[in-house]
Amino acid sequence: MPTDVFMPQMGESVAEGTIVRWLKQVGDAIDKDEPLFEVSTDKVDAEIPAPDAGVLLDIRVKEGDTVPVNSVVAVIGKEADREAVAAHPASAPAAVTSPASARVTSDAAPVVRGADAAATSTGASLDERRRTRSSPLVRRMAKEHGVDIRAIAGTGVSGRVTRRDLEAALAGGTAPAPAFAPGEDVRVEKMTVMRKKIAEHMVMSVRTSPHVYATYEVDFGRIDDIRRAHRASYEAEGLKLTYTAFITKAVADSLREFPIVNASVDGDTVVYRRDINLGIAVALEQGLIVPVIRAADRCDLRTLCRTIQDLAQRARTKQLKTEEVQGGTFTITNPGMFGARSGLAIISQPQVAILAVGSIDKRVVVVDDMIAIRPTGEFTLGFDHRLIDGADGARFLAAVKHRLEHFDEALV
């Protein structure tokens, strides 16, 4: 009997997923647990394994389409089942949203939840209900900014409010001008799902948090000495004793000292998080993902090395689980690995600070009134001025600097 392949639930708050790429085509044989397709959500990109062995009989969701969780996206079975499956094609999954051409069937009977239910119960018009049934992302953005979607004139299909409509309303203007003129020599490509999610989050973060930045120069001379002394013992365990591990340790210990940098803003209240979960940004070929080290302040240096190495490797091979990119309370990003001397990073909401690490190079500095050559790097803290004043941001960054320049070798 054929086996249906469903869009998986990639986390409690994830309601839909986008098929990025099919790794098998109709007619291909596949083993159980062999990667079948790549899915992207607003939390993570991942390869989804086949639930059973057999032949891929049917693909029911095209690459680039977004469908609700538990929708049937493909069918696996025996070669003998192919004709029967082809003779009885399933209807398209409900609420399919294709970036190329979204479609709405006016006589469909969608499930009514949340704002839709409220609109229906109060006798709201069909146009109002269509607007409130905009995408989950648009509804979430509207909620974060306290905007009533029903008050916005939607330009989407059947009057739905699109992300561009909402952004224009927040900016107090109209939709942005076209990016290029007719006849201009350009190449146009659709954004990947990951790139769109990053873009949406960055725009929302800049509108939410008044960003302030402070930069400190850090002397890595002591860290270099410690690395040389202990590198061999770490390599014997298959670990790389990287600058990132030392920085993560110093940041985690400093966050315990300055809990306001590990907090969040919730309306007119401050949420002080007792857990210190550090996000470590990992650059991918076409985007960025931030796996999270949980309870980082309770990890020793070896554990941090091992965890950073494991998360980065699985991030690049799309093997991360949804929960491994959720729940971060502070983020470290490293533009220095690409040669940038410093960087001004955008805060990952609902966090209130982010640390950008510049390149660590030998530079000429003054030590005890003498010119010396020392390995140094610039650390730039971006923080939310709604909650963190300049003095607090500077004190936190000074604490990170002090811990690195006077690192306790007993911790290694």
Protein backbone atom coordinates (compact mmCIF):
# COMPACT_ATOMS: atom_id res chain seq x y z
CA MET A 1 0.00 0.00 0.00
CA PRO A 2 1.41 3.44 -0.92
CA THR A 3 2.78 5.64 1.88
CA ASP A 4 1.90 9.33 2.06
CA VAL A 5 4.75 11.74 2.83
CA PHE A 6 3.66 14.67 5.00
CA MET A 7 5.03 18.16 5.57
CA PRO A 8 6.56 17.69 9.04
CA GLN A 9 5.89 19.80 12.12
CA MET A 10 9.22 21.62 12.51
CA GLY A 11 8.56 23.01 15.98
CA GLU A 12 5.52 23.87 18.08
CA SER A 13 5.05 27.36 16.65
CA VAL A 14 5.70 26.42 13.00
CA ALA A 15 2.49 26.13 10.98
CA GLU A 16 3.84 25.71 7.44
CA GLY A 17 6.91 24.83 5.43
CA THR A 18 8.31 25.56 1.98
CA ILE A 19 9.65 22.85 -0.33
CA VAL A 20 13.08 24.17 -1.32
CA ARG A 21 14.33 21.22 -3.38
CA TRP A 22 13.34 17.66 -4.18
CA LEU A 23 16.32 15.34 -3.79
CA LYS A 24 14.53 12.53 -5.65
CA GLN A 25 12.34 12.57 -8.75
CA VAL A 26 9.24 10.54 -9.63
CA GLY A 27 10.33 7.01 -10.49
CA ASP A 28 13.46 7.08 -8.33
CA ALA A 29 14.02 4.33 -5.78
CA ILE A 30 14.52 5.48 -2.22
CA ASP A 31 15.48 3.80 1.05
CA LYS A 32 13.81 4.46 4.37
CA ASP A 33 15.42 7.46 6.14
CA GLU A 34 17.22 8.53 2.94
CA PRO A 35 16.91 12.32 2.38
CA LEU A 36 13.88 13.00 0.18
CA PHE A 37 13.45 16.78 0.10
CA GLU A 38 14.68 20.01 1.65
CA VAL A 39 12.22 22.13 3.61
CA SER A 40 12.53 25.69 4.85
CA THR A 41 10.49 27.28 7.64
CA ASP A 42 10.82 30.57 9.50
CA LYS A 43 12.96 28.69 12.04
CA VAL A 44 15.29 26.29 10.21
CA ASP A 45 16.21 24.65 6.90
CA ALA A 46 16.43 20.86 6.99
CA GLU A 47 16.58 17.71 4.89
CA ILE A 48 13.54 15.48 5.44
CA PRO A 49 14.06 11.69 5.26
CA ALA A 50 11.72 9.26 3.53
CA PRO A 51 9.29 7.58 5.97
CA ASP A 52 9.45 4.30 4.05
CA ALA A 53 11.42 2.50 1.33
CA GLY A 54 10.13 2.11 -2.20
CA VAL A 55 9.69 4.19 -5.34
CA LEU A 56 8.74 7.87 -5.41
CA LEU A 57 5.37 7.58 -7.15
CA ASP A 58 4.12 11.15 -7.03
CA ILE A 59 5.26 14.65 -6.07
CA ARG A 60 2.29 16.78 -5.04
CA VAL A 61 3.95 20.03 -4.01
CA LYS A 62 6.28 21.89 -6.37
CA GLU A 63 9.60 23.38 -5.37
CA GLY A 64 9.00 26.86 -3.96
CA ASP A 65 5.45 26.13 -2.76
CA THR A 66 4.50 26.62 0.88
CA VAL A 67 1.95 24.31 2.51
CA PRO A 68 0.59 23.75 6.04
CA VAL A 69 2.15 21.08 8.21
CA ASN A 70 0.66 17.60 7.79
CA SER A 71 -0.14 18.26 4.12
CA VAL A 72 0.64 15.35 1.80
CA VAL A 73 3.60 16.39 -0.34
CA ALA A 74 4.50 13.09 -2.02
CA VAL A 75 3.64 9.39 -2.25
CA ILE A 76 6.04 6.45 -1.91
CA GLY A 77 5.12 2.87 -2.81
CA LYS A 78 5.84 -0.04 -5.09
CA GLU A 79 6.29 0.30 -8.84
CA ALA A 80 3.03 -1.62 -9.30
CA ASP A 81 1.16 1.11 -7.44
CA ARG A 82 2.17 3.89 -9.85
CA GLU A 83 -0.79 3.58 -12.22
CA ALA A 84 -3.30 3.52 -9.36
CA VAL A 85 -1.74 6.64 -7.79
CA ALA A 86 -1.67 8.45 -11.13
CA ALA A 87 -5.31 7.53 -11.80
CA HIS A 88 -6.45 9.04 -8.49
CA PRO A 89 -4.46 12.22 -7.99
CA ALA A 90 -5.06 13.93 -4.67
CA SER A 91 -6.37 17.47 -4.53
CA ALA A 92 -3.80 20.19 -3.90
CA PRO A 93 -2.95 20.76 -0.21
CA ALA A 94 -5.01 23.43 1.49
CA ALA A 95 -3.64 26.96 1.69
CA VAL A 96 -0.84 26.43 -0.80
CA THR A 97 1.07 29.68 -1.27
CA SER A 98 3.35 29.79 -4.28
CA PRO A 99 5.75 32.74 -4.54
CA ALA A 100 5.22 32.68 -8.29
CA SER A 101 1.44 32.82 -8.29
CA ALA A 102 -0.70 32.72 -5.15
CA ARG A 103 -4.26 31.54 -5.72
CA VAL A 104 -7.41 31.87 -3.61
CA THR A 105 -10.58 29.87 -4.24
CA SER A 106 -13.47 32.00 -3.11
CA ASP A 107 -15.86 29.08 -2.60
CA ALA A 108 -13.44 27.21 -0.31
CA ALA A 109 -14.34 26.76 3.36
CA PRO A 110 -11.19 27.55 5.32
CA VAL A 111 -10.79 26.73 8.98
CA VAL A 112 -11.45 29.90 11.00
CA ARG A 113 -9.09 30.62 13.89
CA GLY A 114 -7.93 33.58 15.96
CA ALA A 115 -8.56 36.89 14.24
CA ASP A 116 -10.63 35.11 11.55
CA ALA A 117 -12.99 33.73 14.18
CA ALA A 118 -13.32 37.14 15.82
CA ALA A 119 -14.07 38.77 12.49
CA THR A 120 -16.69 36.14 11.65
CA SER A 121 -18.37 36.31 15.05
CA THR A 122 -18.83 40.07 14.79
CA GLY A 123 -20.31 39.88 11.33
CA ALA A 124 -17.25 41.33 9.61
CA SER A 125 -17.34 41.67 5.85
CA LEU A 126 -15.77 39.14 3.47
CA ASP A 127 -13.07 41.67 2.60
CA GLU A 128 -12.15 42.07 6.27
CA ARG A 129 -11.93 38.31 6.76
CA ARG A 130 -9.71 37.97 3.71
CA ARG A 131 -7.36 40.62 5.06
CA THR A 132 -7.17 38.94 8.47
CA ARG A 133 -6.38 35.67 6.69
CA SER A 134 -3.11 37.08 5.42
CA SER A 135 0.02 34.99 5.85
CA PRO A 136 1.19 33.98 9.36
CA LEU A 137 4.25 36.20 8.91
CA VAL A 138 2.11 39.28 8.15
CA ARG A 139 -0.18 38.58 11.10
CA ARG A 140 2.81 38.11 13.40
CA MET A 141 4.43 41.35 12.22
CA ALA A 142 1.13 43.20 12.66
CA LYS A 143 0.78 41.86 16.21
CA GLU A 144 4.36 42.85 17.09
CA HIS A 145 3.72 46.42 15.91
CA GLY A 146 0.18 46.66 17.31
CA VAL A 147 -1.36 47.13 13.86
CA ASP A 148 -4.95 46.15 12.98
CA ILE A 149 -4.66 44.37 9.63
CA ARG A 150 -8.30 45.17 8.86
CA ALA A 151 -7.42 48.86 8.69
CA ILE A 152 -4.95 48.31 5.82
CA ALA A 153 -5.98 48.29 2.17
CA GLY A 154 -4.54 45.03 0.87
CA THR A 155 -3.10 44.71 -2.63
CA GLY A 156 -2.87 40.91 -2.59
CA VAL A 157 -5.25 38.41 -4.10
CA SER A 158 -8.85 39.09 -3.00
CA GLY A 159 -7.67 42.08 -1.00
CA ARG A 160 -5.30 40.22 1.30
CA VAL A 161 -2.72 42.33 3.09
CA THR A 162 0.79 41.46 1.91
CA ARG A 163 4.07 42.01 3.72
CA ARG A 164 4.75 44.99 1.44
CA ASP A 165 1.36 46.51 2.32
CA LEU A 166 2.12 46.17 6.03
CA GLU A 167 5.65 47.57 5.72
CA ALA A 168 4.31 50.54 3.74
CA ALA A 169 1.70 51.18 6.43
CA LEU A 170 4.34 51.02 9.17
CA ALA A 171 6.52 53.45 7.24
CA GLY A 172 3.56 55.77 6.79
CA GLY A 173 3.88 55.80 3.01
CA THR A 174 3.13 53.83 -0.10
CA ALA A 175 4.80 50.76 -1.55
CA PRO A 176 8.44 51.31 -2.57
CA ALA A 177 9.36 52.32 -6.11
CA PRO A 178 10.36 49.60 -8.60
CA ALA A 179 13.95 48.38 -8.22
CA PHE A 180 14.70 48.80 -11.93
CA ALA A 181 13.32 50.56 -14.98
CA PRO A 182 11.80 48.82 -18.02
CA GLY A 183 14.49 47.92 -20.51
CA GLU A 184 17.30 48.17 -17.96
CA ASP A 185 19.97 45.45 -18.29
CA VAL A 186 19.40 43.39 -15.14
CA ARG A 187 19.19 39.78 -13.98
CA VAL A 188 16.24 39.02 -11.70
CA GLU A 189 16.09 36.01 -9.38
CA LYS A 190 13.61 35.09 -6.68
CA MET A 191 14.93 35.24 -3.13
CA THR A 192 15.42 31.92 -1.44
CA VAL A 193 13.08 31.18 1.44
CA MET A 194 15.94 31.67 3.89
CA ARG A 195 16.92 35.03 2.39
CA LYS A 196 13.30 36.27 2.58
CA LYS A 197 13.05 35.23 6.23
CA ILE A 198 16.32 36.98 7.05
CA ALA A 199 15.21 40.14 5.23
CA GLU A 200 11.88 40.24 7.03
CA HIS A 201 13.46 39.73 10.44
CA MET A 202 16.13 42.37 9.87
CA VAL A 203 13.59 45.00 8.79
CA MET A 204 11.42 44.19 11.80
CA SER A 205 14.39 44.36 14.19
CA VAL A 206 15.56 47.78 12.97
CA ARG A 207 12.03 49.13 13.35
CA THR A 208 11.68 47.61 16.82
CA SER A 209 14.99 48.45 18.51
CA PRO A 210 16.89 51.75 18.54
CA HIS A 211 20.37 50.35 17.91
CA VAL A 212 23.42 51.78 19.69
CA TYR A 213 26.99 50.51 19.21
CA ALA A 214 30.16 50.44 21.30
CA THR A 215 33.56 49.11 20.18
CA TYR A 216 36.48 47.86 22.28
CA GLU A 217 39.87 46.58 21.15
CA VAL A 218 40.86 43.28 22.75
CA ASP A 219 44.41 41.98 23.17
CA PHE A 220 44.52 38.25 22.40
CA GLY A 221 48.14 37.74 23.45
CA ARG A 222 47.24 35.66 26.51
CA ILE A 223 44.67 33.61 24.55
CA ASP A 224 47.33 32.86 21.91
CA ASP A 225 49.75 31.63 24.59
CA ILE A 226 47.08 29.37 26.09
CA ARG A 227 46.09 28.01 22.69
CA ARG A 228 49.67 27.05 21.88
CA ALA A 229 50.08 25.34 25.25
CA HIS A 230 46.88 23.27 25.03
CA ARG A 231 46.19 22.85 21.31
CA ALA A 232 47.69 19.34 21.10
CA SER A 233 45.56 17.91 23.94
CA TYR A 234 42.39 19.26 22.31
CA GLU A 235 43.35 17.96 18.87
CA ALA A 236 43.89 14.52 20.41
CA GLU A 237 40.16 14.57 21.16
CA GLY A 238 39.29 15.79 17.66
CA LEU A 239 38.63 19.34 18.85
CA LYS A 240 39.86 22.70 17.58
CA LEU A 241 40.77 25.16 20.30
CA THR A 242 39.38 28.22 18.52
CA TYR A 243 39.11 31.88 19.45
CA THR A 244 35.33 31.42 19.26
CA ALA A 245 35.32 29.03 22.21
CA PHE A 246 37.24 31.49 24.41
CA ILE A 247 34.99 34.36 23.34
CA THR A 248 31.86 32.31 24.03
CA LYS A 249 33.12 31.46 27.52
CA ALA A 250 33.94 35.10 28.30
CA VAL A 251 30.57 36.30 26.99
CA ALA A 252 28.59 33.67 28.91
CA ASP A 253 30.31 34.53 32.19
CA SER A 254 29.82 38.26 31.57
CA LEU A 255 26.11 37.82 30.85
CA ARG A 256 25.74 36.23 34.27
CA GLU A 257 27.30 39.39 35.71
CA PHE A 258 25.12 41.73 33.61
CA PRO A 259 21.64 40.13 33.36
CA ILE A 260 20.14 43.18 31.63
CA VAL A 261 22.11 42.27 28.47
CA ASN A 262 20.47 38.82 28.58
CA ALA A 263 16.95 40.24 28.90
CA SER A 264 14.06 41.13 26.57
CA VAL A 265 11.50 43.93 26.35
CA ASP A 266 7.83 42.97 26.58
CA GLY A 267 5.72 46.11 26.23
CA ASP A 268 6.51 48.15 29.34
CA THR A 269 8.05 45.24 31.24
CA VAL A 270 11.54 43.72 31.28
CA VAL A 271 11.95 39.94 31.04
CA TYR A 272 15.15 38.84 32.77
CA ARG A 273 16.10 35.41 31.46
CA ARG A 274 17.73 33.05 33.92
CA ASP A 275 19.00 30.77 31.14
CA ILE A 276 21.97 31.93 29.10
CA ASN A 277 21.52 30.46 25.62
CA LEU A 278 24.12 31.77 23.19
CA GLY A 279 23.44 31.89 19.45
CA ILE A 280 26.57 31.44 17.31
CA ALA A 281 25.99 32.72 13.77
CA VAL A 282 27.08 30.32 11.02
CA ALA A 283 27.48 31.58 7.46
CA LEU A 284 25.96 29.31 4.82
CA GLU A 285 26.32 29.40 1.05
CA GLN A 286 23.11 31.40 0.62
CA GLY A 287 22.32 32.81 4.02
CA LEU A 288 22.93 32.66 7.73
CA ILE A 289 21.69 30.44 10.52
CA VAL A 290 22.17 30.80 14.27
CA PRO A 291 22.32 27.53 16.24
CA VAL A 292 22.04 27.94 20.01
CA ILE A 293 24.27 26.67 22.83
CA ARG A 294 21.94 26.15 25.77
CA ALA A 295 23.08 26.92 29.31
CA ALA A 296 26.38 28.16 27.89
CA ASP A 297 27.44 29.58 31.25
CA ARG A 298 27.38 26.07 32.71
CA CYS A 299 29.64 24.64 29.99
CA ASP A 300 33.40 24.26 30.39
CA LEU A 301 35.73 25.21 27.56
CA ARG A 302 35.98 21.67 26.18
CA THR A 303 32.22 21.33 26.04
CA LEU A 304 31.93 24.69 24.28
CA CYS A 305 34.54 23.65 21.70
CA ARG A 306 32.75 20.38 21.04
CA THR A 307 29.29 21.96 20.86
CA ILE A 308 30.35 24.82 18.57
CA GLN A 309 32.10 22.42 16.23
CA ASP A 310 29.12 20.04 16.12
CA LEU A 311 26.48 22.73 15.60
CA ALA A 312 28.46 24.48 12.85
CA GLN A 313 29.03 21.22 10.97
CA ARG A 314 25.37 20.21 11.15
CA ALA A 315 24.24 23.73 10.22
CA ARG A 316 26.22 23.51 6.98
CA THR A 317 24.78 20.08 6.15
CA LYS A 318 21.18 21.04 7.06
CA GLN A 319 21.01 18.55 9.90
CA LEU A 320 19.94 20.93 12.69
CA LYS A 321 16.73 20.32 14.58
CA THR A 322 14.24 23.14 15.01
CA GLU A 323 14.80 23.38 18.76
CA GLU A 324 18.53 23.91 18.13
CA VAL A 325 17.89 27.33 16.54
CA GLN A 326 15.28 28.52 19.04
CA GLY A 327 15.48 30.11 22.45
CA GLY A 328 18.64 32.17 22.04
CA THR A 329 19.10 34.99 24.55
CA PHE A 330 22.24 36.64 23.07
CA THR A 331 24.03 36.27 19.73
CA ILE A 332 27.68 36.27 18.67
CA THR A 333 28.47 36.86 15.00
CA ASN A 334 31.93 36.81 13.45
CA PRO A 335 32.41 38.96 10.33
CA GLY A 336 36.11 38.87 11.15
CA MET A 337 36.42 35.35 9.74
CA PHE A 338 35.98 36.94 6.31
CA GLY A 339 38.54 39.66 6.99
CA ALA A 340 36.29 42.43 8.31
CA ARG A 341 38.05 44.47 10.97
CA SER A 342 34.74 45.21 12.68
CA GLY A 343 31.01 45.01 12.06
CA LEU A 344 27.70 46.60 13.09
CA ALA A 345 25.29 43.70 13.50
CA ILE A 346 21.49 43.87 13.76
CA ILE A 347 19.91 42.48 16.93
CA SER A 348 18.04 39.18 16.70
CA GLN A 349 14.61 39.85 18.22
CA PRO A 350 13.48 39.52 20.96
CA GLN A 351 17.05 39.73 22.22
CA VAL A 352 18.46 43.13 23.21
CA ALA A 353 22.12 42.80 22.22
CA ILE A 354 24.49 41.20 19.73
CA LEU A 355 28.29 40.99 19.62
CA ALA A 356 30.18 41.32 16.33
CA VAL A 357 33.75 39.98 16.42
CA GLY A 358 36.25 41.51 14.00
CA SER A 359 39.34 39.86 12.53
CA ILE A 360 42.07 38.96 15.02
CA ASP A 361 45.38 40.07 13.50
CA LYS A 362 48.82 41.17 14.59
CA ARG A 363 48.78 44.94 14.93
CA VAL A 364 51.04 47.66 16.27
CA VAL A 365 49.93 48.77 19.75
CA VAL A 366 51.37 50.66 22.70
CA VAL A 367 52.18 48.48 25.75
CA ASP A 368 53.70 50.11 28.84
CA ASP A 369 54.64 53.20 26.79
CA MET A 370 56.44 51.03 24.23
CA ILE A 371 55.47 50.04 20.71
CA ALA A 372 54.70 46.35 20.40
CA ILE A 373 53.09 43.92 17.97
CA ARG A 374 50.14 42.09 19.50
CA PRO A 375 47.26 39.94 18.19
CA THR A 376 44.21 42.15 18.60
CA GLY A 377 40.59 42.23 17.52
CA GLU A 378 37.76 44.75 17.64
CA PHE A 379 34.56 43.77 19.45
CA THR A 380 31.43 45.79 18.64
CA LEU A 381 28.37 45.41 20.83
CA GLY A 382 25.05 46.40 19.31
CA PHE A 383 22.36 46.95 21.93
CA ASP A 384 18.75 48.07 22.28
CA HIS A 385 18.74 51.57 23.75
CA ARG A 386 15.17 51.11 25.01
CA LEU A 387 16.64 48.93 27.75
CA ILE A 388 20.43 49.22 27.81
CA ASP A 389 22.11 52.57 28.41
CA GLY A 390 25.52 53.34 26.98
CA ALA A 391 27.20 52.92 30.37
CA ASP A 392 25.76 49.43 30.85
CA GLY A 393 26.73 48.39 27.34
CA ALA A 394 30.27 49.67 27.89
CA ARG A 395 30.58 47.90 31.26
CA PHE A 396 29.48 44.61 29.77
CA LEU A 397 31.93 44.89 26.88
CA ALA A 398 34.72 45.88 29.28
CA ALA A 399 33.99 42.74 31.31
CA VAL A 400 34.28 40.54 28.20
CA LYS A 401 37.57 42.26 27.31
CA HIS A 402 38.97 41.79 30.83
CA ARG A 403 38.07 38.08 30.91
CA LEU A 404 39.84 37.47 27.60
CA GLU A 405 42.95 39.50 28.38
CA HIS A 406 43.28 37.83 31.83
CA PHE A 407 41.86 34.40 30.93
CA ASP A 408 42.16 31.86 33.75
CA GLU A 409 44.25 28.99 32.34
CA ALA A 410 42.70 26.66 34.92
CA LEU A 411 39.48 26.85 32.87
CA VAL A 412 41.19 25.19 29.92
